[in-house]
Amino acid sequence: MSNAIKYWREHHRPFISQKELAEKINIDRPTLSKIENPDIPIDPDEVLAEKIARILGVLVTDILRRPSENE
């Protein structure tokens, strides 16, 4: 999930930084950085995942996986 959140955050228009997203979901930026880091096995809980999806304008299932290059 971590790379999917980063992917959708970076492809959001207008661009949304880690700091901006963290503020909108009421967590600190280092925590969001850890969630986005594929080497740290931290996934957001269901409520946080729903908040992230809503802010990024995608479905919760979209943030569970990064789209392939063909999509």
C-alpha atoms as a PDB file:
ATOM      1  CA  MET A   1       0.000   0.000   0.000  1.00  0.00           C
ATOM      2  CA  SER A   2       2.819   2.391   0.791  1.00  0.00           C
ATOM      3  CA  ASN A   3       3.918   2.913  -2.792  1.00  0.00           C
ATOM      4  CA  ALA A   4       0.313   3.309  -3.914  1.00  0.00           C
ATOM      5  CA  ILE A   5      -0.275   6.199  -1.505  1.00  0.00           C
ATOM      6  CA  LYS A   6       2.895   7.890  -2.677  1.00  0.00           C
ATOM      7  CA  TYR A   7       1.962   7.275  -6.325  1.00  0.00           C
ATOM      8  CA  TRP A   8      -1.513   8.793  -5.964  1.00  0.00           C
ATOM      9  CA  ARG A   9      -0.228  11.690  -3.852  1.00  0.00           C
ATOM     10  CA  GLU A  10       2.399  12.556  -6.457  1.00  0.00           C
ATOM     11  CA  HIS A  11      -0.125  12.245  -9.313  1.00  0.00           C
ATOM     12  CA  HIS A  12      -2.807  14.316  -7.568  1.00  0.00           C
ATOM     13  CA  ARG A  13      -3.589  17.562  -9.363  1.00  0.00           C
ATOM     14  CA  PRO A  14      -2.776  19.952  -7.995  1.00  0.00           C
ATOM     15  CA  PHE A  15       0.278  18.216  -6.551  1.00  0.00           C
ATOM     16  CA  ILE A  16      -0.005  17.509  -2.837  1.00  0.00           C
ATOM     17  CA  SER A  17       3.109  17.268  -0.683  1.00  0.00           C
ATOM     18  CA  GLN A  18       3.633  14.849   2.190  1.00  0.00           C
ATOM     19  CA  LYS A  19       3.300  17.764   4.581  1.00  0.00           C
ATOM     20  CA  GLU A  20       0.001  18.907   3.076  1.00  0.00           C
ATOM     21  CA  LEU A  21      -1.494  15.410   3.080  1.00  0.00           C
ATOM     22  CA  ALA A  22      -0.294  14.738   6.612  1.00  0.00           C
ATOM     23  CA  GLU A  23      -1.923  17.952   7.823  1.00  0.00           C
ATOM     24  CA  LYS A  24      -5.204  17.087   6.089  1.00  0.00           C
ATOM     25  CA  ILE A  25      -5.343  13.636   7.710  1.00  0.00           C
ATOM     26  CA  ASN A  26      -4.146  14.889  11.105  1.00  0.00           C
ATOM     27  CA  ILE A  27      -0.866  13.003  11.373  1.00  0.00           C
ATOM     28  CA  ASP A  28       2.690  14.299  11.323  1.00  0.00           C
ATOM     29  CA  ARG A  29       4.784  14.232   8.157  1.00  0.00           C
ATOM     30  CA  PRO A  30       7.323  11.687   9.497  1.00  0.00           C
ATOM     31  CA  THR A  31       4.485   9.247  10.170  1.00  0.00           C
ATOM     32  CA  LEU A  32       3.184   9.645   6.612  1.00  0.00           C
ATOM     33  CA  SER A  33       6.733   9.176   5.342  1.00  0.00           C
ATOM     34  CA  LYS A  34       6.935   5.872   7.227  1.00  0.00           C
ATOM     35  CA  ILE A  35       3.573   4.765   5.806  1.00  0.00           C
ATOM     36  CA  GLU A  36       4.805   5.553   2.280  1.00  0.00           C
ATOM     37  CA  ASN A  37       8.154   3.786   2.793  1.00  0.00           C
ATOM     38  CA  PRO A  38       8.021   0.275   1.285  1.00  0.00           C
ATOM     39  CA  ASP A  39      10.790  -0.887   3.655  1.00  0.00           C
ATOM     40  CA  ILE A  40       8.708  -0.148   6.762  1.00  0.00           C
ATOM     41  CA  PRO A  41       5.655  -2.412   7.130  1.00  0.00           C
ATOM     42  CA  ILE A  42       3.185   0.196   8.390  1.00  0.00           C
ATOM     43  CA  ASP A  43      -0.251   0.423   6.803  1.00  0.00           C
ATOM     44  CA  PRO A  44      -2.878   2.991   7.753  1.00  0.00           C
ATOM     45  CA  ASP A  45      -5.969   1.785   9.571  1.00  0.00           C
ATOM     46  CA  GLU A  46      -9.287   1.716   7.737  1.00  0.00           C
ATOM     47  CA  VAL A  47     -10.364   5.202   8.845  1.00  0.00           C
ATOM     48  CA  LEU A  48      -7.038   6.742   7.804  1.00  0.00           C
ATOM     49  CA  ALA A  49      -7.087   4.895   4.464  1.00  0.00           C
ATOM     50  CA  GLU A  50     -10.566   6.292   3.785  1.00  0.00           C
ATOM     51  CA  LYS A  51      -9.404   9.835   4.608  1.00  0.00           C
ATOM     52  CA  ILE A  52      -6.398   9.498   2.295  1.00  0.00           C
ATOM     53  CA  ALA A  53      -8.520   8.137  -0.547  1.00  0.00           C
ATOM     54  CA  ARG A  54     -11.103  10.917  -0.166  1.00  0.00           C
ATOM     55  CA  ILE A  55      -8.452  13.659  -0.189  1.00  0.00           C
ATOM     56  CA  LEU A  56      -6.673  12.183  -3.204  1.00  0.00           C
ATOM     57  CA  GLY A  57      -9.949  11.643  -5.057  1.00  0.00           C
ATOM     58  CA  VAL A  58      -9.500   7.909  -5.489  1.00  0.00           C
ATOM     59  CA  LEU A  59     -11.147   4.765  -4.159  1.00  0.00           C
ATOM     60  CA  VAL A  60      -9.732   3.022  -1.103  1.00  0.00           C
ATOM     61  CA  THR A  61      -8.991   0.075  -3.393  1.00  0.00           C
ATOM     62  CA  ASP A  62      -6.913   2.426  -5.574  1.00  0.00           C
ATOM     63  CA  ILE A  63      -4.576   3.243  -2.719  1.00  0.00           C
ATOM     64  CA  LEU A  64      -4.177  -0.443  -1.932  1.00  0.00           C
ATOM     65  CA  ARG A  65      -2.258  -0.938  -5.150  1.00  0.00           C
ATOM     66  CA  ARG A  66      -0.366   1.240  -7.549  1.00  0.00           C
ATOM     67  CA  PRO A  67      -1.737   1.080 -11.108  1.00  0.00           C
ATOM     68  CA  SER A  68       0.325  -0.700 -13.710  1.00  0.00           C
ATOM     69  CA  GLU A  69       1.915   1.231 -16.541  1.00  0.00           C
ATOM     70  CA  ASN A  70      -0.878   0.010 -18.870  1.00  0.00           C
ATOM     71  CA  GLU A  71      -3.680   1.694 -16.897  1.00  0.00           C
END
